[in-house]
Structures are given as C-alpha cells and as structure tokens.
C-alpha cells in the first residue's frame, strides 16, 4: 500500500477482503478483470459501514486503489472509476447509513451497466 494511502478504519465493515473477493470473481467469470472488479466493488459497498458520503467516497477510493494494485489492466481502472463516479454522485441522493440505500445504489448500477459486460 502506498505511504500516502491509509486503510479506513471501518472499510467493508472491518472484515471485507478485497483480494479474496476479486480472485473469486475473476475465477468464476472466465477471467474477466472488468466484471470481477465490478462485482468486487458491489460486494465491498454492500459490506461497507460508512456513516457519511465523505467516508463512503474515501472507502471506495481505498478499494479501487487496492484493486489497481492487484490487477494493473486498464479495464480494472476504467470500470472502477466509472463505478466511483456513479456511486459518489448518486450517494448524495440517498441516506448512506441504511442498507436500503446501498441496495438501491447497487441494483440501479447493475441495471445500467452490467448488460454491457
């Protein structure tokens, strides 16, 4: 992990392993880094315990940087950045402290972008 990037204290509820989730999704999706990245970020968001939009943004950025360290392909960075922009823009319209908001964000994102993969 780069020196200027610290791990948020409650990332993924404190127990989400980004590397393990990415590896599992990568293996099940015929070796697609883009889909594995997207599914890992969705799982991460579902497990995240952020209490504010700022904290959510910081936690997602941490997850993205971790994924880019795991797989340096352009498709990982592209999918992750699109996901980050969508979630952080949409999160302002939802109350972040409830699981319902996370489910709504994830399901809306999936409906929009998963058909392209």
C-alpha atoms as a PDB file:
ATOM      1  CA  UNK A   1       0.000   0.000   0.000  1.00  0.00           C
ATOM      2  CA  UNK A   2       1.410   3.419  -0.890  1.00  0.00           C
ATOM      3  CA  UNK A   3       2.569   5.529   2.037  1.00  0.00           C
ATOM      4  CA  UNK A   4       0.012   8.271   1.368  1.00  0.00           C
ATOM      5  CA  UNK A   5      -2.944   5.870   1.350  1.00  0.00           C
ATOM      6  CA  UNK A   6      -4.208   4.730   4.723  1.00  0.00           C
ATOM      7  CA  UNK A   7      -6.736   1.998   5.251  1.00  0.00           C
ATOM      8  CA  UNK A   8     -10.006   3.421   6.580  1.00  0.00           C
ATOM      9  CA  UNK A   9     -10.891   2.000   9.970  1.00  0.00           C
ATOM     10  CA  UNK A  10     -14.281   0.579   9.049  1.00  0.00           C
ATOM     11  CA  UNK A  11     -13.695  -0.413   5.437  1.00  0.00           C
ATOM     12  CA  UNK A  12     -16.108  -3.117   4.419  1.00  0.00           C
ATOM     13  CA  UNK A  13     -17.447  -3.496   7.920  1.00  0.00           C
ATOM     14  CA  UNK A  14     -13.920  -4.202   9.136  1.00  0.00           C
ATOM     15  CA  UNK A  15     -13.688  -7.688   7.637  1.00  0.00           C
ATOM     16  CA  UNK A  16     -14.017  -7.467   3.855  1.00  0.00           C
ATOM     17  CA  UNK A  17     -11.033  -8.936   1.998  1.00  0.00           C
ATOM     18  CA  UNK A  18     -10.797  -7.209  -1.389  1.00  0.00           C
ATOM     19  CA  UNK A  19      -8.093  -9.509  -2.770  1.00  0.00           C
ATOM     20  CA  UNK A  20     -10.017 -12.689  -1.934  1.00  0.00           C
ATOM     21  CA  UNK A  21     -13.274 -11.341  -3.373  1.00  0.00           C
ATOM     22  CA  UNK A  22     -11.553 -10.202  -6.583  1.00  0.00           C
ATOM     23  CA  UNK A  23      -9.822 -13.564  -7.030  1.00  0.00           C
ATOM     24  CA  UNK A  24     -13.100 -15.447  -6.530  1.00  0.00           C
ATOM     25  CA  UNK A  25     -14.999 -13.262  -9.013  1.00  0.00           C
ATOM     26  CA  UNK A  26     -12.134 -13.412 -11.509  1.00  0.00           C
ATOM     27  CA  UNK A  27     -12.117 -17.212 -11.414  1.00  0.00           C
ATOM     28  CA  UNK A  28     -15.882 -17.531 -11.881  1.00  0.00           C
ATOM     29  CA  UNK A  29     -16.195 -15.033 -14.758  1.00  0.00           C
ATOM     30  CA  UNK A  30     -13.963 -16.670 -17.364  1.00  0.00           C
ATOM     31  CA  UNK A  31     -11.030 -14.477 -16.359  1.00  0.00           C
ATOM     32  CA  UNK A  32     -12.727 -11.104 -16.936  1.00  0.00           C
ATOM     33  CA  UNK A  33     -10.993  -8.391 -14.926  1.00  0.00           C
ATOM     34  CA  UNK A  34     -13.710  -5.831 -15.648  1.00  0.00           C
ATOM     35  CA  UNK A  35     -16.575  -7.963 -14.351  1.00  0.00           C
ATOM     36  CA  UNK A  36     -14.518  -9.190 -11.388  1.00  0.00           C
ATOM     37  CA  UNK A  37     -13.728  -5.566 -10.492  1.00  0.00           C
ATOM     38  CA  UNK A  38     -17.362  -4.510 -10.725  1.00  0.00           C
ATOM     39  CA  UNK A  39     -18.637  -7.430  -8.644  1.00  0.00           C
ATOM     40  CA  UNK A  40     -15.913  -6.904  -6.036  1.00  0.00           C
ATOM     41  CA  UNK A  41     -16.813  -3.229  -5.699  1.00  0.00           C
ATOM     42  CA  UNK A  42     -20.509  -4.076  -5.372  1.00  0.00           C
ATOM     43  CA  UNK A  43     -19.719  -6.628  -2.654  1.00  0.00           C
ATOM     44  CA  UNK A  44     -17.469  -4.083  -0.972  1.00  0.00           C
ATOM     45  CA  UNK A  45     -20.217  -1.453  -0.979  1.00  0.00           C
ATOM     46  CA  UNK A  46     -22.707  -3.940   0.456  1.00  0.00           C
ATOM     47  CA  UNK A  47     -20.328  -4.684   3.338  1.00  0.00           C
ATOM     48  CA  UNK A  48     -19.188  -1.094   3.914  1.00  0.00           C
ATOM     49  CA  UNK A  49     -20.159   0.669   7.149  1.00  0.00           C
ATOM     50  CA  UNK A  50     -19.759   4.299   6.047  1.00  0.00           C
ATOM     51  CA  UNK A  51     -21.709   6.871   8.003  1.00  0.00           C
ATOM     52  CA  UNK A  52     -21.382   9.746   5.534  1.00  0.00           C
ATOM     53  CA  UNK A  53     -20.913  10.376   1.830  1.00  0.00           C
ATOM     54  CA  UNK A  54     -17.368  11.594   2.501  1.00  0.00           C
ATOM     55  CA  UNK A  55     -16.500   8.405   4.358  1.00  0.00           C
ATOM     56  CA  UNK A  56     -18.131   6.331   1.617  1.00  0.00           C
ATOM     57  CA  UNK A  57     -16.048   8.126  -1.003  1.00  0.00           C
ATOM     58  CA  UNK A  58     -12.843   7.535   0.968  1.00  0.00           C
ATOM     59  CA  UNK A  59     -13.641   3.841   1.467  1.00  0.00           C
ATOM     60  CA  UNK A  60     -14.493   3.234  -2.192  1.00  0.00           C
ATOM     61  CA  UNK A  61     -11.316   5.043  -3.248  1.00  0.00           C
ATOM     62  CA  UNK A  62      -9.328   2.745  -0.938  1.00  0.00           C
ATOM     63  CA  UNK A  63     -10.977  -0.323  -2.526  1.00  0.00           C
ATOM     64  CA  UNK A  64     -10.251   0.962  -6.034  1.00  0.00           C
ATOM     65  CA  UNK A  65      -6.597   1.627  -5.244  1.00  0.00           C
ATOM     66  CA  UNK A  66      -6.304  -1.867  -3.783  1.00  0.00           C
ATOM     67  CA  UNK A  67      -7.859  -3.385  -6.921  1.00  0.00           C
ATOM     68  CA  UNK A  68      -5.483  -1.418  -9.153  1.00  0.00           C
ATOM     69  CA  UNK A  69      -2.565  -2.827  -7.152  1.00  0.00           C
ATOM     70  CA  UNK A  70      -3.937  -6.361  -7.628  1.00  0.00           C
ATOM     71  CA  UNK A  71      -4.518  -6.039 -11.375  1.00  0.00           C
ATOM     72  CA  UNK A  72      -2.962  -3.158 -13.310  1.00  0.00           C
ATOM     73  CA  UNK A  73      -5.000  -3.643 -16.507  1.00  0.00           C
ATOM     74  CA  UNK A  74      -6.704  -0.606 -17.999  1.00  0.00           C
ATOM     75  CA  UNK A  75     -10.114  -2.278 -17.795  1.00  0.00           C
ATOM     76  CA  UNK A  76      -9.844  -2.527 -13.991  1.00  0.00           C
ATOM     77  CA  UNK A  77      -9.107   1.170 -13.677  1.00  0.00           C
ATOM     78  CA  UNK A  78     -11.799   2.153 -16.184  1.00  0.00           C
ATOM     79  CA  UNK A  79     -14.583   0.129 -14.578  1.00  0.00           C
ATOM     80  CA  UNK A  80     -13.528   1.217 -11.097  1.00  0.00           C
ATOM     81  CA  UNK A  81     -13.510   4.913 -11.992  1.00  0.00           C
ATOM     82  CA  UNK A  82     -16.929   4.722 -13.691  1.00  0.00           C
ATOM     83  CA  UNK A  83     -18.274   2.920 -10.622  1.00  0.00           C
ATOM     84  CA  UNK A  84     -16.740   5.524  -8.280  1.00  0.00           C
ATOM     85  CA  UNK A  85     -18.228   8.441 -10.189  1.00  0.00           C
ATOM     86  CA  UNK A  86     -21.668   6.855 -10.379  1.00  0.00           C
ATOM     87  CA  UNK A  87     -21.824   5.824  -6.726  1.00  0.00           C
ATOM     88  CA  UNK A  88     -20.486   9.073  -5.319  1.00  0.00           C
ATOM     89  CA  UNK A  89     -22.812  11.187  -7.469  1.00  0.00           C
ATOM     90  CA  UNK A  90     -25.843   9.042  -6.645  1.00  0.00           C
ATOM     91  CA  UNK A  91     -24.977   8.655  -2.944  1.00  0.00           C
ATOM     92  CA  UNK A  92     -25.812  12.297  -2.313  1.00  0.00           C
ATOM     93  CA  UNK A  93     -29.455  11.492  -3.120  1.00  0.00           C
ATOM     94  CA  UNK A  94     -29.680   8.633  -0.610  1.00  0.00           C
ATOM     95  CA  UNK A  95     -29.238   8.287   3.108  1.00  0.00           C
ATOM     96  CA  UNK A  96     -25.943   6.408   3.351  1.00  0.00           C
ATOM     97  CA  UNK A  97     -26.498   4.939   6.808  1.00  0.00           C
ATOM     98  CA  UNK A  98     -29.014   2.262   5.758  1.00  0.00           C
ATOM     99  CA  UNK A  99     -28.683  -0.989   3.851  1.00  0.00           C
ATOM    100  CA  UNK A 100     -31.637   0.019   1.697  1.00  0.00           C
ATOM    101  CA  UNK A 101     -29.678   2.889   0.197  1.00  0.00           C
ATOM    102  CA  UNK A 102     -26.776   0.579  -0.605  1.00  0.00           C
ATOM    103  CA  UNK A 103     -29.121  -1.968  -2.205  1.00  0.00           C
ATOM    104  CA  UNK A 104     -30.785   0.751  -4.264  1.00  0.00           C
ATOM    105  CA  UNK A 105     -27.429   2.106  -5.452  1.00  0.00           C
ATOM    106  CA  UNK A 106     -26.124  -1.358  -6.345  1.00  0.00           C
ATOM    107  CA  UNK A 107     -29.243  -2.531  -8.142  1.00  0.00           C
ATOM    108  CA  UNK A 108     -29.514   0.713 -10.135  1.00  0.00           C
ATOM    109  CA  UNK A 109     -25.862   0.469 -11.145  1.00  0.00           C
ATOM    110  CA  UNK A 110     -26.275  -3.162 -12.206  1.00  0.00           C
ATOM    111  CA  UNK A 111     -29.331  -2.379 -14.332  1.00  0.00           C
ATOM    112  CA  UNK A 112     -27.410   0.360 -16.127  1.00  0.00           C
ATOM    113  CA  UNK A 113     -24.000  -1.200 -16.684  1.00  0.00           C
ATOM    114  CA  UNK A 114     -24.000  -4.986 -16.353  1.00  0.00           C
ATOM    115  CA  UNK A 115     -25.706  -5.584 -19.742  1.00  0.00           C
ATOM    116  CA  UNK A 116     -22.596  -4.106 -21.411  1.00  0.00           C
ATOM    117  CA  UNK A 117     -20.297  -6.810 -19.985  1.00  0.00           C
END
